[in-house]
Amino acid sequence: MKTAVSIPDKLFSVADQYAKKHGFSRSRLYAKALATFLEQHPADYITDQLNKVYPDDSSELDQGLVNMQMNAMEKEKW
């Protein structure tokens, strides 16, 4: 798919030189960079989606449930 994006001139020049030096197209460089970024940031997307679904819900644990769970667990000797 073709698309147009705006990036700073200096970044464009550095990316262009890098792609030429390594023998591949700018498109391949940009696709690889975007894929790498998305692989490294998947949790952001999931967290954002959950925050949209539950905007007003707290992530705090209910202390009463925590106490019941702790009391239900077997006590182990170390």
PDB file of N, CA and C in Angstrom:
ATOM      1  N   MET A   1       0.844  -1.170   0.000  1.00  0.00           N
ATOM      2  CA  MET A   1       0.000   0.000   0.000  1.00  0.00           C
ATOM      3  C   MET A   1       0.889   1.232   0.000  1.00  0.00           C
ATOM      4  N   LYS A   2       0.525   2.204  -0.755  1.00  0.00           N
ATOM      5  CA  LYS A   2       1.263   3.465  -0.767  1.00  0.00           C
ATOM      6  C   LYS A   2       0.596   4.423   0.204  1.00  0.00           C
ATOM      7  N   THR A   3       1.446   5.213   0.853  1.00  0.00           N
ATOM      8  CA  THR A   3       0.944   6.225   1.776  1.00  0.00           C
ATOM      9  C   THR A   3       1.933   7.379   1.819  1.00  0.00           C
ATOM     10  N   ALA A   4       1.487   8.504   2.286  1.00  0.00           N
ATOM     11  CA  ALA A   4       2.371   9.669   2.435  1.00  0.00           C
ATOM     12  C   ALA A   4       2.433  10.039   3.903  1.00  0.00           C
ATOM     13  N   VAL A   5       3.649  10.282   4.379  1.00  0.00           N
ATOM     14  CA  VAL A   5       3.840  10.708   5.755  1.00  0.00           C
ATOM     15  C   VAL A   5       4.786  11.896   5.763  1.00  0.00           C
ATOM     16  N   SER A   6       4.686  12.708   6.786  1.00  0.00           N
ATOM     17  CA  SER A   6       5.589  13.851   6.932  1.00  0.00           C
ATOM     18  C   SER A   6       6.563  13.558   8.060  1.00  0.00           C
ATOM     19  N   ILE A   7       7.852  13.724   7.769  1.00  0.00           N
ATOM     20  CA  ILE A   7       8.885  13.562   8.774  1.00  0.00           C
ATOM     21  C   ILE A   7       9.861  14.720   8.628  1.00  0.00           C
ATOM     22  N   PRO A   8      10.602  15.021   9.673  1.00  0.00           N
ATOM     23  CA  PRO A   8      11.574  16.111   9.585  1.00  0.00           C
ATOM     24  C   PRO A   8      12.622  15.834   8.489  1.00  0.00           C
ATOM     25  N   ASP A   9      13.068  16.897   7.843  1.00  0.00           N
ATOM     26  CA  ASP A   9      14.034  16.778   6.742  1.00  0.00           C
ATOM     27  C   ASP A   9      15.295  16.025   7.158  1.00  0.00           C
ATOM     28  N   LYS A  10      15.810  16.339   8.323  1.00  0.00           N
ATOM     29  CA  LYS A  10      17.046  15.699   8.777  1.00  0.00           C
ATOM     30  C   LYS A  10      16.841  14.192   8.954  1.00  0.00           C
ATOM     31  N   LEU A  11      15.726  13.794   9.531  1.00  0.00           N
ATOM     32  CA  LEU A  11      15.428  12.378   9.705  1.00  0.00           C
ATOM     33  C   LEU A  11      15.303  11.693   8.351  1.00  0.00           C
ATOM     34  N   PHE A  12      14.650  12.348   7.413  1.00  0.00           N
ATOM     35  CA  PHE A  12      14.515  11.798   6.063  1.00  0.00           C
ATOM     36  C   PHE A  12      15.891  11.573   5.445  1.00  0.00           C
ATOM     37  N   SER A  13      16.770  12.542   5.555  1.00  0.00           N
ATOM     38  CA  SER A  13      18.116  12.432   4.966  1.00  0.00           C
ATOM     39  C   SER A  13      18.905  11.289   5.589  1.00  0.00           C
ATOM     40  N   VAL A  14      18.852  11.192   6.909  1.00  0.00           N
ATOM     41  CA  VAL A  14      19.592  10.131   7.599  1.00  0.00           C
ATOM     42  C   VAL A  14      19.028   8.765   7.203  1.00  0.00           C
ATOM     43  N   ALA A  15      17.722   8.650   7.159  1.00  0.00           N
ATOM     44  CA  ALA A  15      17.092   7.385   6.780  1.00  0.00           C
ATOM     45  C   ALA A  15      17.436   7.026   5.340  1.00  0.00           C
ATOM     46  N   ASP A  16      17.411   7.998   4.458  1.00  0.00           N
ATOM     47  CA  ASP A  16      17.738   7.770   3.048  1.00  0.00           C
ATOM     48  C   ASP A  16      19.179   7.269   2.911  1.00  0.00           C
ATOM     49  N   GLN A  17      20.099   7.915   3.593  1.00  0.00           N
ATOM     50  CA  GLN A  17      21.502   7.497   3.542  1.00  0.00           C
ATOM     51  C   GLN A  17      21.674   6.087   4.116  1.00  0.00           C
ATOM     52  N   TYR A  18      20.993   5.803   5.201  1.00  0.00           N
ATOM     53  CA  TYR A  18      21.088   4.486   5.826  1.00  0.00           C
ATOM     54  C   TYR A  18      20.598   3.405   4.862  1.00  0.00           C
ATOM     55  N   ALA A  19      19.436   3.637   4.256  1.00  0.00           N
ATOM     56  CA  ALA A  19      18.870   2.658   3.323  1.00  0.00           C
ATOM     57  C   ALA A  19      19.816   2.424   2.144  1.00  0.00           C
ATOM     58  N   LYS A  20      20.352   3.487   1.567  1.00  0.00           N
ATOM     59  CA  LYS A  20      21.279   3.351   0.441  1.00  0.00           C
ATOM     60  C   LYS A  20      22.528   2.584   0.854  1.00  0.00           C
ATOM     61  N   LYS A  21      23.072   2.905   2.009  1.00  0.00           N
ATOM     62  CA  LYS A  21      24.295   2.261   2.488  1.00  0.00           C
ATOM     63  C   LYS A  21      24.087   0.760   2.697  1.00  0.00           C
ATOM     64  N   HIS A  22      22.887   0.380   3.127  1.00  0.00           N
ATOM     65  CA  HIS A  22      22.602  -1.024   3.421  1.00  0.00           C
ATOM     66  C   HIS A  22      21.897  -1.748   2.272  1.00  0.00           C
ATOM     67  N   GLY A  23      21.711  -1.055   1.157  1.00  0.00           N
ATOM     68  CA  GLY A  23      21.200  -1.699  -0.052  1.00  0.00           C
ATOM     69  C   GLY A  23      19.730  -2.058  -0.070  1.00  0.00           C
ATOM     70  N   PHE A  24      18.914  -1.250   0.583  1.00  0.00           N
ATOM     71  CA  PHE A  24      17.482  -1.479   0.461  1.00  0.00           C
ATOM     72  C   PHE A  24      16.733  -0.162   0.359  1.00  0.00           C
ATOM     73  N   SER A  25      15.473  -0.252   0.005  1.00  0.00           N
ATOM     74  CA  SER A  25      14.674   0.953  -0.252  1.00  0.00           C
ATOM     75  C   SER A  25      14.264   1.645   1.045  1.00  0.00           C
ATOM     76  N   ARG A  26      13.911   2.920   0.917  1.00  0.00           N
ATOM     77  CA  ARG A  26      13.365   3.650   2.069  1.00  0.00           C
ATOM     78  C   ARG A  26      12.077   2.979   2.539  1.00  0.00           C
ATOM     79  N   SER A  27      11.273   2.534   1.594  1.00  0.00           N
ATOM     80  CA  SER A  27      10.009   1.877   1.966  1.00  0.00           C
ATOM     81  C   SER A  27      10.268   0.667   2.847  1.00  0.00           C
ATOM     82  N   ARG A  28      11.267  -0.126   2.487  1.00  0.00           N
ATOM     83  CA  ARG A  28      11.599  -1.293   3.302  1.00  0.00           C
ATOM     84  C   ARG A  28      12.089  -0.863   4.682  1.00  0.00           C
ATOM     85  N   LEU A  29      12.900   0.172   4.727  1.00  0.00           N
ATOM     86  CA  LEU A  29      13.396   0.690   6.003  1.00  0.00           C
ATOM     87  C   LEU A  29      12.240   1.163   6.881  1.00  0.00           C
ATOM     88  N   TYR A  30      11.335   1.953   6.306  1.00  0.00           N
ATOM     89  CA  TYR A  30      10.209   2.478   7.088  1.00  0.00           C
ATOM     90  C   TYR A  30       9.297   1.353   7.560  1.00  0.00           C
ATOM     91  N   ALA A  31       9.050   0.359   6.693  1.00  0.00           N
ATOM     92  CA  ALA A  31       8.197  -0.768   7.078  1.00  0.00           C
ATOM     93  C   ALA A  31       8.829  -1.549   8.221  1.00  0.00           C
ATOM     94  N   LYS A  32      10.140  -1.787   8.128  1.00  0.00           N
ATOM     95  CA  LYS A  32      10.851  -2.514   9.177  1.00  0.00           C
ATOM     96  C   LYS A  32      10.828  -1.723  10.491  1.00  0.00           C
ATOM     97  N   ALA A  33      11.067  -0.421  10.405  1.00  0.00           N
ATOM     98  CA  ALA A  33      11.065   0.419  11.608  1.00  0.00           C
ATOM     99  C   ALA A  33       9.686   0.426  12.265  1.00  0.00           C
ATOM    100  N   LEU A  34       8.649   0.534  11.466  1.00  0.00           N
ATOM    101  CA  LEU A  34       7.292   0.539  12.007  1.00  0.00           C
ATOM    102  C   LEU A  34       6.945  -0.813  12.626  1.00  0.00           C
ATOM    103  N   ALA A  35       7.315  -1.903  11.960  1.00  0.00           N
ATOM    104  CA  ALA A  35       7.057  -3.236  12.503  1.00  0.00           C
ATOM    105  C   ALA A  35       7.776  -3.429  13.834  1.00  0.00           C
ATOM    106  N   THR A  36       9.019  -2.989  13.903  1.00  0.00           N
ATOM    107  CA  THR A  36       9.795  -3.108  15.137  1.00  0.00           C
ATOM    108  C   THR A  36       9.150  -2.299  16.253  1.00  0.00           C
ATOM    109  N   PHE A  37       8.739  -1.084  15.953  1.00  0.00           N
ATOM    110  CA  PHE A  37       8.085  -0.241  16.955  1.00  0.00           C
ATOM    111  C   PHE A  37       6.826  -0.919  17.489  1.00  0.00           C
ATOM    112  N   LEU A  38       6.001  -1.435  16.594  1.00  0.00           N
ATOM    113  CA  LEU A  38       4.750  -2.059  17.010  1.00  0.00           C
ATOM    114  C   LEU A  38       4.985  -3.333  17.811  1.00  0.00           C
ATOM    115  N   GLU A  39       6.033  -4.090  17.489  1.00  0.00           N
ATOM    116  CA  GLU A  39       6.378  -5.280  18.265  1.00  0.00           C
ATOM    117  C   GLU A  39       6.785  -4.899  19.682  1.00  0.00           C
ATOM    118  N   GLN A  40       7.429  -3.764  19.830  1.00  0.00           N
ATOM    119  CA  GLN A  40       7.933  -3.342  21.134  1.00  0.00           C
ATOM    120  C   GLN A  40       6.887  -2.627  21.978  1.00  0.00           C
ATOM    121  N   HIS A  41       5.755  -2.265  21.394  1.00  0.00           N
ATOM    122  CA  HIS A  41       4.746  -1.499  22.133  1.00  0.00           C
ATOM    123  C   HIS A  41       3.343  -2.101  22.058  1.00  0.00           C
ATOM    124  N   PRO A  42       3.187  -3.415  22.111  1.00  0.00           N
ATOM    125  CA  PRO A  42       1.833  -3.968  22.000  1.00  0.00           C
ATOM    126  C   PRO A  42       0.968  -3.681  23.215  1.00  0.00           C
ATOM    127  N   ALA A  43       1.570  -3.588  24.392  1.00  0.00           N
ATOM    128  CA  ALA A  43       0.789  -3.373  25.613  1.00  0.00           C
ATOM    129  C   ALA A  43       0.098  -2.016  25.608  1.00  0.00           C
ATOM    130  N   ASP A  44       0.706  -1.027  24.976  1.00  0.00           N
ATOM    131  CA  ASP A  44       0.083   0.296  24.923  1.00  0.00           C
ATOM    132  C   ASP A  44      -1.287   0.212  24.267  1.00  0.00           C
ATOM    133  N   TYR A  45      -1.379  -0.520  23.179  1.00  0.00           N
ATOM    134  CA  TYR A  45      -2.639  -0.637  22.459  1.00  0.00           C
ATOM    135  C   TYR A  45      -3.682  -1.338  23.329  1.00  0.00           C
ATOM    136  N   ILE A  46      -3.295  -2.433  23.941  1.00  0.00           N
ATOM    137  CA  ILE A  46      -4.232  -3.201  24.765  1.00  0.00           C
ATOM    138  C   ILE A  46      -4.694  -2.367  25.957  1.00  0.00           C
ATOM    139  N   THR A  47      -3.765  -1.696  26.613  1.00  0.00           N
ATOM    140  CA  THR A  47      -4.115  -0.851  27.761  1.00  0.00           C
ATOM    141  C   THR A  47      -5.057   0.266  27.348  1.00  0.00           C
ATOM    142  N   ASP A  48      -4.779   0.908  26.236  1.00  0.00           N
ATOM    143  CA  ASP A  48      -5.651   1.987  25.757  1.00  0.00           C
ATOM    144  C   ASP A  48      -7.056   1.475  25.475  1.00  0.00           C
ATOM    145  N   GLN A  49      -7.153   0.300  24.861  1.00  0.00           N
ATOM    146  CA  GLN A  49      -8.470  -0.257  24.554  1.00  0.00           C
ATOM    147  C   GLN A  49      -9.231  -0.593  25.839  1.00  0.00           C
ATOM    148  N   LEU A  50      -8.543  -1.173  26.815  1.00  0.00           N
ATOM    149  CA  LEU A  50      -9.192  -1.485  28.094  1.00  0.00           C
ATOM    150  C   LEU A  50      -9.619  -0.217  28.821  1.00  0.00           C
ATOM    151  N   ASN A  51      -8.801   0.815  28.762  1.00  0.00           N
ATOM    152  CA  ASN A  51      -9.162   2.081  29.407  1.00  0.00           C
ATOM    153  C   ASN A  51     -10.387   2.708  28.752  1.00  0.00           C
ATOM    154  N   LYS A  52     -10.583   2.484  27.458  1.00  0.00           N
ATOM    155  CA  LYS A  52     -11.774   3.000  26.783  1.00  0.00           C
ATOM    156  C   LYS A  52     -13.022   2.239  27.221  1.00  0.00           C
ATOM    157  N   VAL A  53     -12.871   0.936  27.429  1.00  0.00           N
ATOM    158  CA  VAL A  53     -14.006   0.109  27.835  1.00  0.00           C
ATOM    159  C   VAL A  53     -14.370   0.350  29.302  1.00  0.00           C
ATOM    160  N   TYR A  54     -13.341   0.540  30.137  1.00  0.00           N
ATOM    161  CA  TYR A  54     -13.553   0.709  31.575  1.00  0.00           C
ATOM    162  C   TYR A  54     -12.988   2.051  32.056  1.00  0.00           C
ATOM    163  N   PRO A  55     -13.508   3.164  31.554  1.00  0.00           N
ATOM    164  CA  PRO A  55     -12.893   4.455  31.868  1.00  0.00           C
ATOM    165  C   PRO A  55     -13.001   4.864  33.334  1.00  0.00           C
ATOM    166  N   ASP A  56     -14.032   4.404  34.024  1.00  0.00           N
ATOM    167  CA  ASP A  56     -14.255   4.862  35.392  1.00  0.00           C
ATOM    168  C   ASP A  56     -13.991   3.786  36.437  1.00  0.00           C
ATOM    169  N   ASP A  57     -13.574   2.596  35.998  1.00  0.00           N
ATOM    170  CA  ASP A  57     -13.350   1.500  36.933  1.00  0.00           C
ATOM    171  C   ASP A  57     -11.944   1.574  37.518  1.00  0.00           C
ATOM    172  N   SER A  58     -11.851   1.304  38.788  1.00  0.00           N
ATOM    173  CA  SER A  58     -10.562   1.294  39.471  1.00  0.00           C
ATOM    174  C   SER A  58      -9.879  -0.054  39.268  1.00  0.00           C
ATOM    175  N   SER A  59      -8.568  -0.044  39.253  1.00  0.00           N
ATOM    176  CA  SER A  59      -7.824  -1.296  39.160  1.00  0.00           C
ATOM    177  C   SER A  59      -7.396  -1.785  40.539  1.00  0.00           C
ATOM    178  N   GLU A  60      -7.841  -1.093  41.562  1.00  0.00           N
ATOM    179  CA  GLU A  60      -7.528  -1.485  42.933  1.00  0.00           C
ATOM    180  C   GLU A  60      -8.256  -2.779  43.283  1.00  0.00           C
ATOM    181  N   LEU A  61      -7.595  -3.634  44.040  1.00  0.00           N
ATOM    182  CA  LEU A  61      -8.221  -4.867  44.508  1.00  0.00           C
ATOM    183  C   LEU A  61      -9.143  -4.561  45.673  1.00  0.00           C
ATOM    184  N   ASP A  62     -10.262  -5.262  45.723  1.00  0.00           N
ATOM    185  CA  ASP A  62     -11.190  -5.124  46.841  1.00  0.00           C
ATOM    186  C   ASP A  62     -10.561  -5.780  48.069  1.00  0.00           C
ATOM    187  N   GLN A  63     -10.332  -5.032  49.115  1.00  0.00           N
ATOM    188  CA  GLN A  63      -9.620  -5.544  50.289  1.00  0.00           C
ATOM    189  C   GLN A  63     -10.367  -6.696  50.937  1.00  0.00           C
ATOM    190  N   GLY A  64     -11.700  -6.680  50.915  1.00  0.00           N
ATOM    191  CA  GLY A  64     -12.473  -7.787  51.478  1.00  0.00           C
ATOM    192  C   GLY A  64     -12.198  -9.089  50.742  1.00  0.00           C
ATOM    193  N   LEU A  65     -12.139  -9.034  49.407  1.00  0.00           N
ATOM    194  CA  LEU A  65     -11.827 -10.230  48.626  1.00  0.00           C
ATOM    195  C   LEU A  65     -10.399 -10.700  48.876  1.00  0.00           C
ATOM    196  N   VAL A  66      -9.484  -9.766  48.982  1.00  0.00           N
ATOM    197  CA  VAL A  66      -8.086 -10.119  49.259  1.00  0.00           C
ATOM    198  C   VAL A  66      -8.012 -10.861  50.591  1.00  0.00           C
ATOM    199  N   ASN A  67      -8.692 -10.340  51.605  1.00  0.00           N
ATOM    200  CA  ASN A  67      -8.680 -10.983  52.926  1.00  0.00           C
ATOM    201  C   ASN A  67      -9.277 -12.381  52.875  1.00  0.00           C
ATOM    202  N   MET A  68     -10.399 -12.550  52.154  1.00  0.00           N
ATOM    203  CA  MET A  68     -11.020 -13.869  52.042  1.00  0.00           C
ATOM    204  C   MET A  68     -10.088 -14.848  51.325  1.00  0.00           C
ATOM    205  N   GLN A  69      -9.420 -14.387  50.281  1.00  0.00           N
ATOM    206  CA  GLN A  69      -8.498 -15.261  49.557  1.00  0.00           C
ATOM    207  C   GLN A  69      -7.323 -15.671  50.436  1.00  0.00           C
ATOM    208  N   MET A  70      -6.785 -14.729  51.160  1.00  0.00           N
ATOM    209  CA  MET A  70      -5.643 -15.030  52.028  1.00  0.00           C
ATOM    210  C   MET A  70      -6.046 -16.007  53.135  1.00  0.00           C
ATOM    211  N   ASN A  71      -7.243 -15.864  53.680  1.00  0.00           N
ATOM    212  CA  ASN A  71      -7.719 -16.756  54.734  1.00  0.00           C
ATOM    213  C   ASN A  71      -8.034 -18.147  54.194  1.00  0.00           C
ATOM    214  N   ALA A  72      -8.380 -18.252  52.920  1.00  0.00           N
ATOM    215  CA  ALA A  72      -8.725 -19.534  52.312  1.00  0.00           C
ATOM    216  C   ALA A  72      -7.487 -20.343  51.927  1.00  0.00           C
ATOM    217  N   MET A  73      -6.350 -19.694  51.830  1.00  0.00           N
ATOM    218  CA  MET A  73      -5.123 -20.385  51.444  1.00  0.00           C
ATOM    219  C   MET A  73      -4.576 -21.181  52.625  1.00  0.00           C
ATOM    220  N   GLU A  74      -4.001 -22.329  52.299  1.00  0.00           N
ATOM    221  CA  GLU A  74      -3.380 -23.128  53.348  1.00  0.00           C
ATOM    222  C   GLU A  74      -2.143 -22.432  53.863  1.00  0.00           C
ATOM    223  N   LYS A  75      -1.937 -22.545  55.149  1.00  0.00           N
ATOM    224  CA  LYS A  75      -0.743 -21.961  55.739  1.00  0.00           C
ATOM    225  C   LYS A  75       0.398 -22.955  55.572  1.00  0.00           C
ATOM    226  N   GLU A  76       1.519 -22.499  55.053  1.00  0.00           N
ATOM    227  CA  GLU A  76       2.679 -23.364  54.853  1.00  0.00           C
ATOM    228  C   GLU A  76       3.786 -22.974  55.817  1.00  0.00           C
ATOM    229  N   LYS A  77       4.494 -23.979  56.279  1.00  0.00           N
ATOM    230  CA  LYS A  77       5.654 -23.717  57.107  1.00  0.00           C
ATOM    231  C   LYS A  77       6.866 -23.667  56.220  1.00  0.00           C
ATOM    232  N   TRP A  78       7.714 -22.712  56.435  1.00  0.00           N
ATOM    233  CA  TRP A  78       8.922 -22.571  55.635  1.00  0.00           C
ATOM    234  C   TRP A  78      10.047 -23.181  56.352  1.00  0.00           C
TER     235      TRP A  78
END
